[in-house]
Protein backbone atom coordinates (compact mmCIF):
# COMPACT_ATOMS: atom_id res chain seq x y z
CA UNK A 1 17.63 6.79 20.35
CA UNK A 2 14.67 8.40 18.59
CA UNK A 3 12.01 9.87 20.84
CA UNK A 4 8.61 8.37 20.05
CA UNK A 5 6.90 11.67 19.26
CA UNK A 6 9.72 13.42 17.41
CA UNK A 7 9.88 14.49 13.78
CA UNK A 8 12.47 11.78 13.15
CA UNK A 9 10.09 9.14 14.51
CA UNK A 10 7.32 10.39 12.29
CA UNK A 11 9.61 10.26 9.26
CA UNK A 12 10.63 6.73 10.19
CA UNK A 13 6.98 5.62 10.50
CA UNK A 14 6.23 7.11 7.05
CA UNK A 15 9.21 5.27 5.58
CA UNK A 16 8.03 1.99 7.15
CA UNK A 17 4.48 2.64 5.93
CA UNK A 18 5.77 3.13 2.39
CA UNK A 19 7.74 -0.15 2.62
CA UNK A 20 4.64 -1.93 3.85
CA UNK A 21 2.56 -0.66 0.91
CA UNK A 22 5.24 -1.76 -1.56
CA UNK A 23 5.00 -5.26 -0.05
CA UNK A 24 1.27 -5.58 -0.38
CA UNK A 25 -0.34 -8.33 -2.40
CA UNK A 26 -2.80 -7.73 -5.23
CA UNK A 27 -5.48 -9.14 -2.90
CA UNK A 28 -4.86 -6.38 -0.34
CA UNK A 29 -5.08 -3.72 -3.03
CA UNK A 30 -8.32 -5.26 -4.33
CA UNK A 31 -9.82 -5.26 -0.77
CA UNK A 32 -8.70 -1.67 -0.33
CA UNK A 33 -10.34 -0.62 -3.61
CA UNK A 34 -13.60 -2.44 -2.85
CA UNK A 35 -13.90 -1.08 0.68
CA UNK A 36 -13.02 2.44 -0.48
CA UNK A 37 -15.69 2.26 -3.19
CA UNK A 38 -18.27 0.89 -0.78
CA UNK A 39 -17.49 3.50 1.85
CA UNK A 40 -17.61 6.27 -0.78
CA UNK A 41 -20.89 5.00 -2.13
CA UNK A 42 -22.49 4.67 1.32
CA UNK A 43 -21.40 8.09 2.57
CA UNK A 44 -21.96 9.71 -0.80
CA UNK A 45 -25.58 8.50 -1.17
CA UNK A 46 -26.65 9.22 2.41
CA UNK A 47 -25.05 12.67 2.53
CA UNK A 48 -26.26 13.40 -1.04
CA UNK A 49 -22.79 14.04 -2.37
CA UNK A 50 -24.03 11.61 -5.00
CA UNK A 51 -27.48 12.90 -6.06
CA UNK A 52 -30.15 10.28 -5.52
CA UNK A 53 -33.94 10.00 -5.14
CA UNK A 54 -33.81 8.53 -1.62
CA UNK A 55 -32.22 11.37 0.37
CA UNK A 56 -32.44 15.13 0.15
CA UNK A 57 -30.08 17.86 1.23
CA UNK A 58 -31.37 21.29 2.39
CA UNK A 59 -27.99 23.04 2.36
CA UNK A 60 -25.80 22.74 -0.75
CA UNK A 61 -22.41 21.05 -0.58
CA UNK A 62 -19.28 23.18 -0.22
CA UNK A 63 -16.09 22.77 -2.22
CA UNK A 64 -14.16 20.86 0.43
CA UNK A 65 -16.84 18.15 0.92
CA UNK A 66 -15.69 16.19 -2.12
CA UNK A 67 -11.94 16.02 -1.41
CA UNK A 68 -12.58 15.06 2.23
CA UNK A 69 -15.08 12.37 1.15
CA UNK A 70 -12.71 10.86 -1.43
CA UNK A 71 -9.58 11.02 0.75
CA UNK A 72 -11.28 9.47 3.71
CA UNK A 73 -12.75 6.72 1.54
CA UNK A 74 -9.27 5.89 0.25
CA UNK A 75 -7.87 5.99 3.78
CA UNK A 76 -10.62 3.69 5.11
CA UNK A 77 -10.10 1.29 2.25
CA UNK A 78 -6.34 1.12 2.81
CA UNK A 79 -6.78 0.86 6.57
CA UNK A 80 -9.24 -2.02 6.18
CA UNK A 81 -6.80 -3.85 3.89
CA UNK A 82 -4.17 -3.76 6.62
CA UNK A 83 -6.33 -6.30 8.48
CA UNK A 84 -6.26 -8.79 5.59
CA UNK A 85 -4.14 -11.89 6.27
CA UNK A 86 -1.22 -12.21 3.90
CA UNK A 87 0.41 -15.49 2.97
CA UNK A 88 1.64 -17.61 5.84
CA UNK A 89 1.76 -14.85 8.51
CA UNK A 90 -0.46 -15.70 11.42
CA UNK A 91 -3.19 -13.22 12.27
CA UNK A 92 -2.96 -11.72 15.75
CA UNK A 93 -6.16 -11.32 17.73
CA UNK A 94 -7.10 -7.61 17.64
CA UNK A 95 -8.20 -7.86 21.24
CA UNK A 96 -4.65 -8.70 22.37
CA UNK A 97 -2.84 -5.49 21.54
CA UNK A 98 -3.72 -2.03 22.83
CA UNK A 99 -2.19 -0.56 19.65
CA UNK A 100 -4.52 -2.65 17.52
CA UNK A 101 -7.54 -1.40 19.45
CA UNK A 102 -6.33 2.19 19.17
CA UNK A 103 -5.92 2.12 15.38
CA UNK A 104 -9.26 0.37 14.98
CA UNK A 105 -10.97 3.02 17.08
CA UNK A 106 -9.16 5.86 15.25
CA UNK A 107 -10.31 4.46 11.90
CA UNK A 108 -13.90 4.13 13.05
CA UNK A 109 -13.87 7.64 14.52
CA UNK A 110 -12.40 9.01 11.28
CA UNK A 111 -15.17 7.38 9.26
CA UNK A 112 -17.90 8.67 11.55
CA UNK A 113 -16.45 12.17 11.62
CA UNK A 114 -16.41 12.17 7.81
CA UNK A 115 -20.11 11.38 7.85
CA UNK A 116 -20.83 14.39 10.07
CA UNK A 117 -18.35 16.61 8.26
CA UNK A 118 -19.65 16.20 4.72
CA UNK A 119 -23.32 15.85 5.57
CA UNK A 120 -25.92 18.56 5.44
CA UNK A 121 -25.77 20.41 8.80
CA UNK A 122 -29.57 20.69 9.10
CA UNK A 123 -30.22 17.13 7.89
CA UNK A 124 -28.26 15.73 10.83
CA UNK A 125 -30.90 14.65 13.32
CA UNK A 126 -28.50 14.82 16.29
CA UNK A 127 -27.55 18.45 15.49
CA UNK A 128 -31.26 19.32 14.91
CA UNK A 129 -32.37 17.85 18.24
CA UNK A 130 -29.51 19.38 20.20
CA UNK A 131 -29.33 22.80 18.51
CA UNK A 132 -32.47 23.29 16.43
CA UNK A 133 -32.51 24.41 12.79
CA UNK A 134 -30.90 27.81 13.28
CA UNK A 135 -28.45 26.42 15.81
CA UNK A 136 -27.34 23.73 13.37
CA UNK A 137 -26.63 26.41 10.77
CA UNK A 138 -25.06 28.80 13.24
CA UNK A 139 -23.00 26.38 15.37
CA UNK A 140 -22.70 23.02 13.65
CA UNK A 141 -22.04 24.13 10.04
CA UNK A 142 -18.91 26.19 10.98
CA UNK A 143 -17.66 23.19 12.97
CA UNK A 144 -17.83 20.83 9.98
CA UNK A 145 -14.46 21.79 8.46
CA UNK A 146 -12.84 21.04 11.85
CA UNK A 147 -14.54 17.66 11.89
CA UNK A 148 -13.28 17.05 8.35
CA UNK A 149 -9.69 17.79 9.32
CA UNK A 150 -10.00 15.59 12.41
CA UNK A 151 -11.41 12.78 10.28
CA UNK A 152 -8.51 12.97 7.85
CA UNK A 153 -5.93 13.11 10.63
CA UNK A 154 -7.43 10.19 12.55
CA UNK A 155 -7.75 8.02 9.49
CA UNK A 156 -4.27 8.94 8.29
CA UNK A 157 -2.61 8.34 11.65
CA UNK A 158 -4.35 4.96 12.04
CA UNK A 159 -3.24 3.97 8.52
CA UNK A 160 0.38 5.03 9.06
CA UNK A 161 0.56 3.23 12.42
CA UNK A 162 -0.92 0.02 11.00
CA UNK A 163 1.31 0.04 7.93
CA UNK A 164 4.49 0.90 9.80
CA UNK A 165 3.73 -1.83 12.30
CA UNK A 166 3.62 -4.38 9.46
CA UNK A 167 7.27 -3.65 8.69
CA UNK A 168 8.72 -2.52 12.02
CA UNK A 169 7.04 -5.20 14.14
CA UNK A 170 5.90 -7.99 11.85
CA UNK A 171 4.26 -11.02 13.36
CA UNK A 172 6.85 -13.78 13.13
CA UNK A 173 6.00 -16.78 11.02
CA UNK A 174 5.81 -20.13 12.68
CA UNK A 175 9.24 -21.75 12.78
CA UNK A 176 9.78 -25.34 11.89
CA UNK A 177 11.49 -27.65 14.36
CA UNK A 178 14.59 -27.74 12.17
CA UNK A 179 14.91 -23.98 12.15
CA UNK A 180 14.51 -23.80 15.92
CA UNK A 181 17.30 -26.43 16.39
CA UNK A 182 19.58 -24.53 14.00
CA UNK A 183 19.07 -21.32 15.96
CA UNK A 184 19.78 -23.06 19.26
CA UNK A 185 23.01 -24.63 17.94
CA UNK A 186 24.26 -21.34 16.47
CA UNK A 187 24.15 -19.59 19.87
């Protein structure tokens, strides 16, 4: 038996996640692309990774802001597409399963951490109120790469768990009465 937090279990989840992606419909990929583009646009404009006339940035971006921004946008898009109903499979109520709530919360936390990680440290009103201008530069700015790594990990874990669950524990399709009778007679 594979222990749930072992390296073998992690490999198995990644294999299941890959299988789930290969089984996606074009609609799911379209939703993933649209959500990723929307998330990237929203975060990019507000954090001024995309230069615009509406927002300003006092501290210049650093090299890692762009890869974190793009990777998280892709992860959020893919994660959102895992919630899209496919074909005839019934949609489970997200409030029913603790695992569903966990992955939803992890995805939301990953998106929010990305916002704080790639944003200007002194443009963040929460950091300014709590730490002041010099405190935001001294304490918050060095913490931003840690927030970026946490955002990528949370989003990635939520995505892998959702995808692997689609293959390892798929929601059964409704059976017809004839199929149910056949199963009963074969026992």
